[in-house]
Amino acid sequence: MTVTDGSTPVITLSGLVSITIAQGSVFTDDGATWIDNVDGSGIIAVATSGSVNTAVVGSYTLEYTYTDTAGNIGNIVTRTVNVVDGSAPVVT
């Protein structure tokens, strides 16, 4: 008997959707999880697209997705990481 898998995996973000961190700090990604009706479930420990450079002030988007063994592509979930200048100005 052949199992037909027409269902897409469901991706759920772990942690916050939007994060603000100070420039130069360490960013640790909480990743995401996936669940599929045939493949089971698992963890996406590293974003499938995007990266964060904590040395440079800016807004970074990380994307997470999962493709099951049948080739069904799960929903894409995103996290925004805002790197901000947290140092106080120096008055001379």
PDB file of N, CA and C in Angstrom:
ATOM      1  N   MET A   1       0.824  -1.175   0.000  1.00  0.00           N
ATOM      2  CA  MET A   1       0.000   0.000   0.000  1.00  0.00           C
ATOM      3  C   MET A   1       0.877   1.252   0.000  1.00  0.00           C
ATOM      4  N   THR A   2       0.598   2.163  -0.877  1.00  0.00           N
ATOM      5  CA  THR A   2       1.333   3.414  -0.986  1.00  0.00           C
ATOM      6  C   THR A   2       0.600   4.505  -0.221  1.00  0.00           C
ATOM      7  N   VAL A   3       1.355   5.250   0.588  1.00  0.00           N
ATOM      8  CA  VAL A   3       0.778   6.358   1.328  1.00  0.00           C
ATOM      9  C   VAL A   3       0.942   7.630   0.502  1.00  0.00           C
ATOM     10  N   THR A   4      -0.170   8.301   0.232  1.00  0.00           N
ATOM     11  CA  THR A   4      -0.129   9.569  -0.476  1.00  0.00           C
ATOM     12  C   THR A   4      -0.189  10.685   0.546  1.00  0.00           C
ATOM     13  N   ASP A   5       0.768  11.576   0.445  1.00  0.00           N
ATOM     14  CA  ASP A   5       0.856  12.673   1.400  1.00  0.00           C
ATOM     15  C   ASP A   5       0.578  13.976   0.673  1.00  0.00           C
ATOM     16  N   GLY A   6      -0.629  14.484   0.802  1.00  0.00           N
ATOM     17  CA  GLY A   6      -0.998  15.742   0.171  1.00  0.00           C
ATOM     18  C   GLY A   6      -1.030  16.900   1.137  1.00  0.00           C
ATOM     19  N   SER A   7      -0.619  16.659   2.370  1.00  0.00           N
ATOM     20  CA  SER A   7      -0.668  17.705   3.393  1.00  0.00           C
ATOM     21  C   SER A   7       0.701  18.351   3.565  1.00  0.00           C
ATOM     22  N   THR A   8       0.693  19.664   3.738  1.00  0.00           N
ATOM     23  CA  THR A   8       1.949  20.383   3.944  1.00  0.00           C
ATOM     24  C   THR A   8       2.316  20.407   5.423  1.00  0.00           C
ATOM     25  N   PRO A   9       3.604  20.429   5.720  1.00  0.00           N
ATOM     26  CA  PRO A   9       4.040  20.555   7.104  1.00  0.00           C
ATOM     27  C   PRO A   9       3.638  21.920   7.669  1.00  0.00           C
ATOM     28  N   VAL A  10       3.467  21.975   8.978  1.00  0.00           N
ATOM     29  CA  VAL A  10       3.134  23.233   9.639  1.00  0.00           C
ATOM     30  C   VAL A  10       4.363  23.677  10.437  1.00  0.00           C
ATOM     31  N   ILE A  11       4.782  24.921  10.189  1.00  0.00           N
ATOM     32  CA  ILE A  11       5.950  25.476  10.862  1.00  0.00           C
ATOM     33  C   ILE A  11       5.473  26.434  11.943  1.00  0.00           C
ATOM     34  N   THR A  12       6.090  26.347  13.124  1.00  0.00           N
ATOM     35  CA  THR A  12       5.764  27.238  14.230  1.00  0.00           C
ATOM     36  C   THR A  12       7.049  27.874  14.741  1.00  0.00           C
ATOM     37  N   LEU A  13       7.055  29.184  14.827  1.00  0.00           N
ATOM     38  CA  LEU A  13       8.215  29.915  15.310  1.00  0.00           C
ATOM     39  C   LEU A  13       8.402  29.669  16.804  1.00  0.00           C
ATOM     40  N   SER A  14       9.627  29.423  17.226  1.00  0.00           N
ATOM     41  CA  SER A  14       9.961  29.321  18.651  1.00  0.00           C
ATOM     42  C   SER A  14      10.451  30.691  19.104  1.00  0.00           C
ATOM     43  N   GLY A  15       9.918  31.195  20.180  1.00  0.00           N
ATOM     44  CA  GLY A  15      10.339  32.505  20.652  1.00  0.00           C
ATOM     45  C   GLY A  15       9.531  33.624  20.012  1.00  0.00           C
ATOM     46  N   LEU A  16      10.087  34.813  20.075  1.00  0.00           N
ATOM     47  CA  LEU A  16       9.402  36.019  19.627  1.00  0.00           C
ATOM     48  C   LEU A  16       9.470  36.219  18.117  1.00  0.00           C
ATOM     49  N   VAL A  17       8.457  36.889  17.573  1.00  0.00           N
ATOM     50  CA  VAL A  17       8.412  37.207  16.142  1.00  0.00           C
ATOM     51  C   VAL A  17       9.358  38.359  15.827  1.00  0.00           C
ATOM     52  N   SER A  18       9.488  39.280  16.764  1.00  0.00           N
ATOM     53  CA  SER A  18      10.352  40.446  16.588  1.00  0.00           C
ATOM     54  C   SER A  18      11.240  40.603  17.819  1.00  0.00           C
ATOM     55  N   ILE A  19      12.533  40.784  17.570  1.00  0.00           N
ATOM     56  CA  ILE A  19      13.512  40.901  18.643  1.00  0.00           C
ATOM     57  C   ILE A  19      14.353  42.149  18.391  1.00  0.00           C
ATOM     58  N   THR A  20      14.650  42.896  19.454  1.00  0.00           N
ATOM     59  CA  THR A  20      15.559  44.033  19.362  1.00  0.00           C
ATOM     60  C   THR A  20      16.759  43.744  20.252  1.00  0.00           C
ATOM     61  N   ILE A  21      17.958  43.854  19.661  1.00  0.00           N
ATOM     62  CA  ILE A  21      19.187  43.607  20.413  1.00  0.00           C
ATOM     63  C   ILE A  21      20.155  44.759  20.172  1.00  0.00           C
ATOM     64  N   ALA A  22      21.078  44.944  21.108  1.00  0.00           N
ATOM     65  CA  ALA A  22      22.075  46.001  21.004  1.00  0.00           C
ATOM     66  C   ALA A  22      23.179  45.592  20.034  1.00  0.00           C
ATOM     67  N   GLN A  23      23.672  46.572  19.305  1.00  0.00           N
ATOM     68  CA  GLN A  23      24.782  46.345  18.389  1.00  0.00           C
ATOM     69  C   GLN A  23      25.956  45.735  19.146  1.00  0.00           C
ATOM     70  N   GLY A  24      26.570  44.719  18.570  1.00  0.00           N
ATOM     71  CA  GLY A  24      27.721  44.062  19.173  1.00  0.00           C
ATOM     72  C   GLY A  24      27.382  42.962  20.159  1.00  0.00           C
ATOM     73  N   SER A  25      26.096  42.801  20.486  1.00  0.00           N
ATOM     74  CA  SER A  25      25.719  41.734  21.418  1.00  0.00           C
ATOM     75  C   SER A  25      25.656  40.393  20.681  1.00  0.00           C
ATOM     76  N   VAL A  26      25.488  39.343  21.452  1.00  0.00           N
ATOM     77  CA  VAL A  26      25.395  37.996  20.874  1.00  0.00           C
ATOM     78  C   VAL A  26      23.926  37.679  20.613  1.00  0.00           C
ATOM     79  N   PHE A  27      23.626  37.239  19.402  1.00  0.00           N
ATOM     80  CA  PHE A  27      22.267  36.832  19.055  1.00  0.00           C
ATOM     81  C   PHE A  27      22.214  35.318  18.988  1.00  0.00           C
ATOM     82  N   THR A  28      21.271  34.737  19.719  1.00  0.00           N
ATOM     83  CA  THR A  28      21.043  33.299  19.670  1.00  0.00           C
ATOM     84  C   THR A  28      19.639  33.069  19.133  1.00  0.00           C
ATOM     85  N   ASP A  29      19.560  32.384  18.019  1.00  0.00           N
ATOM     86  CA  ASP A  29      18.280  32.137  17.362  1.00  0.00           C
ATOM     87  C   ASP A  29      17.523  31.018  18.068  1.00  0.00           C
ATOM     88  N   ASP A  30      16.229  31.252  18.344  1.00  0.00           N
ATOM     89  CA  ASP A  30      15.389  30.227  18.969  1.00  0.00           C
ATOM     90  C   ASP A  30      14.874  29.207  17.963  1.00  0.00           C
ATOM     91  N   GLY A  31      15.025  29.506  16.654  1.00  0.00           N
ATOM     92  CA  GLY A  31      14.618  28.560  15.623  1.00  0.00           C
ATOM     93  C   GLY A  31      13.109  28.408  15.504  1.00  0.00           C
ATOM     94  N   ALA A  32      12.707  27.264  15.001  1.00  0.00           N
ATOM     95  CA  ALA A  32      11.291  26.966  14.778  1.00  0.00           C
ATOM     96  C   ALA A  32      11.108  25.449  14.869  1.00  0.00           C
ATOM     97  N   THR A  33       9.868  25.019  14.880  1.00  0.00           N
ATOM     98  CA  THR A  33       9.559  23.589  14.866  1.00  0.00           C
ATOM     99  C   THR A  33       8.646  23.285  13.689  1.00  0.00           C
ATOM    100  N   TRP A  34       8.635  22.042  13.279  1.00  0.00           N
ATOM    101  CA  TRP A  34       7.734  21.612  12.210  1.00  0.00           C
ATOM    102  C   TRP A  34       7.008  20.356  12.645  1.00  0.00           C
ATOM    103  N   ILE A  35       5.806  20.188  12.092  1.00  0.00           N
ATOM    104  CA  ILE A  35       5.030  18.973  12.329  1.00  0.00           C
ATOM    105  C   ILE A  35       4.382  18.582  11.007  1.00  0.00           C
ATOM    106  N   ASP A  36       4.399  17.292  10.719  1.00  0.00           N
ATOM    107  CA  ASP A  36       3.880  16.785   9.452  1.00  0.00           C
ATOM    108  C   ASP A  36       3.088  15.513   9.719  1.00  0.00           C
ATOM    109  N   ASN A  37       2.018  15.310   8.960  1.00  0.00           N
ATOM    110  CA  ASN A  37       1.149  14.160   9.200  1.00  0.00           C
ATOM    111  C   ASN A  37       1.823  12.813   8.897  1.00  0.00           C
ATOM    112  N   VAL A  38       2.871  12.809   8.082  1.00  0.00           N
ATOM    113  CA  VAL A  38       3.563  11.555   7.763  1.00  0.00           C
ATOM    114  C   VAL A  38       4.963  11.510   8.375  1.00  0.00           C
ATOM    115  N   ASP A  39       5.703  12.604   8.267  1.00  0.00           N
ATOM    116  CA  ASP A  39       7.099  12.633   8.722  1.00  0.00           C
ATOM    117  C   ASP A  39       7.254  12.796  10.233  1.00  0.00           C
ATOM    118  N   GLY A  40       6.212  13.231  10.920  1.00  0.00           N
ATOM    119  CA  GLY A  40       6.316  13.440  12.363  1.00  0.00           C
ATOM    120  C   GLY A  40       6.580  14.886  12.689  1.00  0.00           C
ATOM    121  N   SER A  41       7.618  15.140  13.505  1.00  0.00           N
ATOM    122  CA  SER A  41       7.919  16.514  13.898  1.00  0.00           C
ATOM    123  C   SER A  41       9.410  16.670  14.102  1.00  0.00           C
ATOM    124  N   GLY A  42       9.839  17.928  14.177  1.00  0.00           N
ATOM    125  CA  GLY A  42      11.261  18.190  14.370  1.00  0.00           C
ATOM    126  C   GLY A  42      11.532  19.650  14.646  1.00  0.00           C
ATOM    127  N   ILE A  43      12.804  19.963  14.728  1.00  0.00           N
ATOM    128  CA  ILE A  43      13.260  21.309  15.043  1.00  0.00           C
ATOM    129  C   ILE A  43      14.043  21.875  13.868  1.00  0.00           C
ATOM    130  N   ILE A  44      13.784  23.151  13.571  1.00  0.00           N
ATOM    131  CA  ILE A  44      14.592  23.888  12.603  1.00  0.00           C
ATOM    132  C   ILE A  44      15.475  24.789  13.451  1.00  0.00           C
ATOM    133  N   ALA A  45      16.709  24.358  13.681  1.00  0.00           N
ATOM    134  CA  ALA A  45      17.590  25.059  14.614  1.00  0.00           C
ATOM    135  C   ALA A  45      18.196  26.321  14.006  1.00  0.00           C
ATOM    136  N   VAL A  46      18.343  26.348  12.695  1.00  0.00           N
ATOM    137  CA  VAL A  46      18.960  27.479  12.009  1.00  0.00           C
ATOM    138  C   VAL A  46      18.013  27.952  10.928  1.00  0.00           C
ATOM    139  N   ALA A  47      17.897  29.261  10.771  1.00  0.00           N
ATOM    140  CA  ALA A  47      17.025  29.829   9.742  1.00  0.00           C
ATOM    141  C   ALA A  47      17.385  29.266   8.376  1.00  0.00           C
ATOM    142  N   THR A  48      16.365  28.979   7.565  1.00  0.00           N
ATOM    143  CA  THR A  48      16.609  28.456   6.237  1.00  0.00           C
ATOM    144  C   THR A  48      16.976  29.568   5.259  1.00  0.00           C
ATOM    145  N   SER A  49      16.742  30.824   5.672  1.00  0.00           N
ATOM    146  CA  SER A  49      17.103  31.966   4.840  1.00  0.00           C
ATOM    147  C   SER A  49      17.337  33.172   5.745  1.00  0.00           C
ATOM    148  N   GLY A  50      18.373  33.930   5.438  1.00  0.00           N
ATOM    149  CA  GLY A  50      18.675  35.145   6.182  1.00  0.00           C
ATOM    150  C   GLY A  50      19.718  34.929   7.251  1.00  0.00           C
ATOM    151  N   SER A  51      20.290  36.034   7.702  1.00  0.00           N
ATOM    152  CA  SER A  51      21.276  35.996   8.777  1.00  0.00           C
ATOM    153  C   SER A  51      21.260  37.340   9.498  1.00  0.00           C
ATOM    154  N   VAL A  52      21.910  37.379  10.656  1.00  0.00           N
ATOM    155  CA  VAL A  52      21.961  38.591  11.469  1.00  0.00           C
ATOM    156  C   VAL A  52      23.424  38.958  11.689  1.00  0.00           C
ATOM    157  N   ASN A  53      23.760  40.209  11.388  1.00  0.00           N
ATOM    158  CA  ASN A  53      25.095  40.725  11.645  1.00  0.00           C
ATOM    159  C   ASN A  53      24.976  41.719  12.788  1.00  0.00           C
ATOM    160  N   THR A  54      25.313  41.292  14.000  1.00  0.00           N
ATOM    161  CA  THR A  54      25.141  42.150  15.163  1.00  0.00           C
ATOM    162  C   THR A  54      26.136  43.309  15.197  1.00  0.00           C
ATOM    163  N   ALA A  55      27.118  43.299  14.320  1.00  0.00           N
ATOM    164  CA  ALA A  55      28.079  44.400  14.253  1.00  0.00           C
ATOM    165  C   ALA A  55      27.520  45.596  13.485  1.00  0.00           C
ATOM    166  N   VAL A  56      26.450  45.372  12.724  1.00  0.00           N
ATOM    167  CA  VAL A  56      25.896  46.413  11.868  1.00  0.00           C
ATOM    168  C   VAL A  56      24.448  46.692  12.259  1.00  0.00           C
ATOM    169  N   VAL A  57      24.159  47.968  12.579  1.00  0.00           N
ATOM    170  CA  VAL A  57      22.798  48.386  12.914  1.00  0.00           C
ATOM    171  C   VAL A  57      21.897  48.153  11.705  1.00  0.00           C
ATOM    172  N   GLY A  58      20.722  47.588  11.941  1.00  0.00           N
ATOM    173  CA  GLY A  58      19.780  47.351  10.855  1.00  0.00           C
ATOM    174  C   GLY A  58      18.696  46.378  11.259  1.00  0.00           C
ATOM    175  N   SER A  59      17.805  46.118  10.317  1.00  0.00           N
ATOM    176  CA  SER A  59      16.708  45.175  10.521  1.00  0.00           C
ATOM    177  C   SER A  59      16.968  43.951   9.656  1.00  0.00           C
ATOM    178  N   TYR A  60      16.939  42.789  10.255  1.00  0.00           N
ATOM    179  CA  TYR A  60      17.248  41.537   9.570  1.00  0.00           C
ATOM    180  C   TYR A  60      16.041  40.612   9.632  1.00  0.00           C
ATOM    181  N   THR A  61      15.762  39.934   8.526  1.00  0.00           N
ATOM    182  CA  THR A  61      14.643  39.002   8.470  1.00  0.00           C
ATOM    183  C   THR A  61      15.177  37.584   8.319  1.00  0.00           C
ATOM    184  N   LEU A  62      14.725  36.711   9.200  1.00  0.00           N
ATOM    185  CA  LEU A  62      15.064  35.292   9.133  1.00  0.00           C
ATOM    186  C   LEU A  62      13.820  34.535   8.711  1.00  0.00           C
ATOM    187  N   GLU A  63      13.970  33.580   7.802  1.00  0.00           N
ATOM    188  CA  GLU A  63      12.845  32.757   7.346  1.00  0.00           C
ATOM    189  C   GLU A  63      13.099  31.298   7.705  1.00  0.00           C
ATOM    190  N   TYR A  64      12.001  30.610   8.038  1.00  0.00           N
ATOM    191  CA  TYR A  64      12.069  29.199   8.393  1.00  0.00           C
ATOM    192  C   TYR A  64      11.018  28.452   7.596  1.00  0.00           C
ATOM    193  N   THR A  65      11.395  27.326   7.015  1.00  0.00           N
ATOM    194  CA  THR A  65      10.435  26.463   6.343  1.00  0.00           C
ATOM    195  C   THR A  65      10.962  25.034   6.389  1.00  0.00           C
ATOM    196  N   TYR A  66      10.111  24.124   5.994  1.00  0.00           N
ATOM    197  CA  TYR A  66      10.476  22.701   5.979  1.00  0.00           C
ATOM    198  C   TYR A  66       9.758  22.038   4.815  1.00  0.00           C
ATOM    199  N   THR A  67      10.468  21.167   4.107  1.00  0.00           N
ATOM    200  CA  THR A  67       9.876  20.390   3.018  1.00  0.00           C
ATOM    201  C   THR A  67       9.854  18.932   3.450  1.00  0.00           C
ATOM    202  N   ASP A  68       8.663  18.314   3.415  1.00  0.00           N
ATOM    203  CA  ASP A  68       8.569  16.920   3.860  1.00  0.00           C
ATOM    204  C   ASP A  68       9.096  15.973   2.792  1.00  0.00           C
ATOM    205  N   THR A  69       9.148  14.691   3.125  1.00  0.00           N
ATOM    206  CA  THR A  69       9.734  13.708   2.212  1.00  0.00           C
ATOM    207  C   THR A  69       8.925  13.538   0.926  1.00  0.00           C
ATOM    208  N   ALA A  70       7.666  13.962   0.936  1.00  0.00           N
ATOM    209  CA  ALA A  70       6.832  13.897  -0.266  1.00  0.00           C
ATOM    210  C   ALA A  70       7.011  15.134  -1.148  1.00  0.00           C
ATOM    211  N   GLY A  71       7.806  16.105  -0.666  1.00  0.00           N
ATOM    212  CA  GLY A  71       8.043  17.316  -1.431  1.00  0.00           C
ATOM    213  C   GLY A  71       7.074  18.449  -1.129  1.00  0.00           C
ATOM    214  N   ASN A  72       6.213  18.273  -0.130  1.00  0.00           N
ATOM    215  CA  ASN A  72       5.287  19.337   0.257  1.00  0.00           C
ATOM    216  C   ASN A  72       6.045  20.388   1.060  1.00  0.00           C
ATOM    217  N   ILE A  73       5.929  21.636   0.647  1.00  0.00           N
ATOM    218  CA  ILE A  73       6.639  22.725   1.303  1.00  0.00           C
ATOM    219  C   ILE A  73       5.740  23.361   2.352  1.00  0.00           C
ATOM    220  N   GLY A  74       6.252  23.449   3.568  1.00  0.00           N
ATOM    221  CA  GLY A  74       5.494  24.044   4.667  1.00  0.00           C
ATOM    222  C   GLY A  74       5.408  25.553   4.547  1.00  0.00           C
ATOM    223  N   ASN A  75       4.542  26.128   5.367  1.00  0.00           N
ATOM    224  CA  ASN A  75       4.403  27.575   5.404  1.00  0.00           C
ATOM    225  C   ASN A  75       5.732  28.215   5.802  1.00  0.00           C
ATOM    226  N   ILE A  76       5.956  29.417   5.340  1.00  0.00           N
ATOM    227  CA  ILE A  76       7.159  30.152   5.728  1.00  0.00           C
ATOM    228  C   ILE A  76       6.801  31.035   6.912  1.00  0.00           C
ATOM    229  N   VAL A  77       7.597  30.947   7.974  1.00  0.00           N
ATOM    230  CA  VAL A  77       7.427  31.853   9.104  1.00  0.00           C
ATOM    231  C   VAL A  77       8.683  32.714   9.189  1.00  0.00           C
ATOM    232  N   THR A  78       8.522  33.937   9.680  1.00  0.00           N
ATOM    233  CA  THR A  78       9.654  34.856   9.729  1.00  0.00           C
ATOM    234  C   THR A  78       9.834  35.447  11.117  1.00  0.00           C
ATOM    235  N   ARG A  79      11.065  35.831  11.378  1.00  0.00           N
ATOM    236  CA  ARG A  79      11.417  36.552  12.592  1.00  0.00           C
ATOM    237  C   ARG A  79      12.196  37.790  12.152  1.00  0.00           C
ATOM    238  N   THR A  80      11.895  38.942  12.763  1.00  0.00           N
ATOM    239  CA  THR A  80      12.633  40.161  12.504  1.00  0.00           C
ATOM    240  C   THR A  80      13.548  40.433  13.680  1.00  0.00           C
ATOM    241  N   VAL A  81      14.822  40.656  13.380  1.00  0.00           N
ATOM    242  CA  VAL A  81      15.794  40.988  14.412  1.00  0.00           C
ATOM    243  C   VAL A  81      16.297  42.401  14.121  1.00  0.00           C
ATOM    244  N   ASN A  82      16.020  43.307  15.039  1.00  0.00           N
ATOM    245  CA  ASN A  82      16.462  44.693  14.903  1.00  0.00           C
ATOM    246  C   ASN A  82      17.709  44.895  15.747  1.00  0.00           C
ATOM    247  N   VAL A  83      18.806  45.251  15.084  1.00  0.00           N
ATOM    248  CA  VAL A  83      20.048  45.546  15.765  1.00  0.00           C
ATOM    249  C   VAL A  83      20.120  47.064  15.897  1.00  0.00           C
ATOM    250  N   VAL A  84      20.209  47.541  17.143  1.00  0.00           N
ATOM    251  CA  VAL A  84      20.174  48.990  17.393  1.00  0.00           C
ATOM    252  C   VAL A  84      21.448  49.442  18.117  1.00  0.00           C
ATOM    253  N   ASP A  85      21.746  50.726  17.950  1.00  0.00           N
ATOM    254  CA  ASP A  85      22.883  51.330  18.648  1.00  0.00           C
ATOM    255  C   ASP A  85      22.439  51.624  20.068  1.00  0.00           C
ATOM    256  N   GLY A  86      22.914  50.853  21.000  1.00  0.00           N
ATOM    257  CA  GLY A  86      22.482  50.996  22.390  1.00  0.00           C
ATOM    258  C   GLY A  86      23.397  51.866  23.230  1.00  0.00           C
ATOM    259  N   SER A  87      24.438  52.435  22.606  1.00  0.00           N
ATOM    260  CA  SER A  87      25.366  53.238  23.397  1.00  0.00           C
ATOM    261  C   SER A  87      24.860  54.677  23.511  1.00  0.00           C
ATOM    262  N   ALA A  88      25.132  55.259  24.647  1.00  0.00           N
ATOM    263  CA  ALA A  88      24.733  56.645  24.880  1.00  0.00           C
ATOM    264  C   ALA A  88      25.656  57.584  24.112  1.00  0.00           C
ATOM    265  N   PRO A  89      25.124  58.704  23.640  1.00  0.00           N
ATOM    266  CA  PRO A  89      25.982  59.656  22.937  1.00  0.00           C
ATOM    267  C   PRO A  89      26.989  60.299  23.900  1.00  0.00           C
ATOM    268  N   VAL A  90      28.112  60.700  23.375  1.00  0.00           N
ATOM    269  CA  VAL A  90      29.159  61.334  24.176  1.00  0.00           C
ATOM    270  C   VAL A  90      29.128  62.829  23.870  1.00  0.00           C
ATOM    271  N   VAL A  91      28.967  63.621  24.902  1.00  0.00           N
ATOM    272  CA  VAL A  91      28.960  65.070  24.747  1.00  0.00           C
ATOM    273  C   VAL A  91      30.335  65.604  25.154  1.00  0.00           C
ATOM    274  N   THR A  92      30.925  66.425  24.286  1.00  0.00           N
ATOM    275  CA  THR A  92      32.245  66.993  24.609  1.00  0.00           C
ATOM    276  C   THR A  92      32.200  68.496  24.651  1.00  0.00           C
TER     277      THR A  92
END
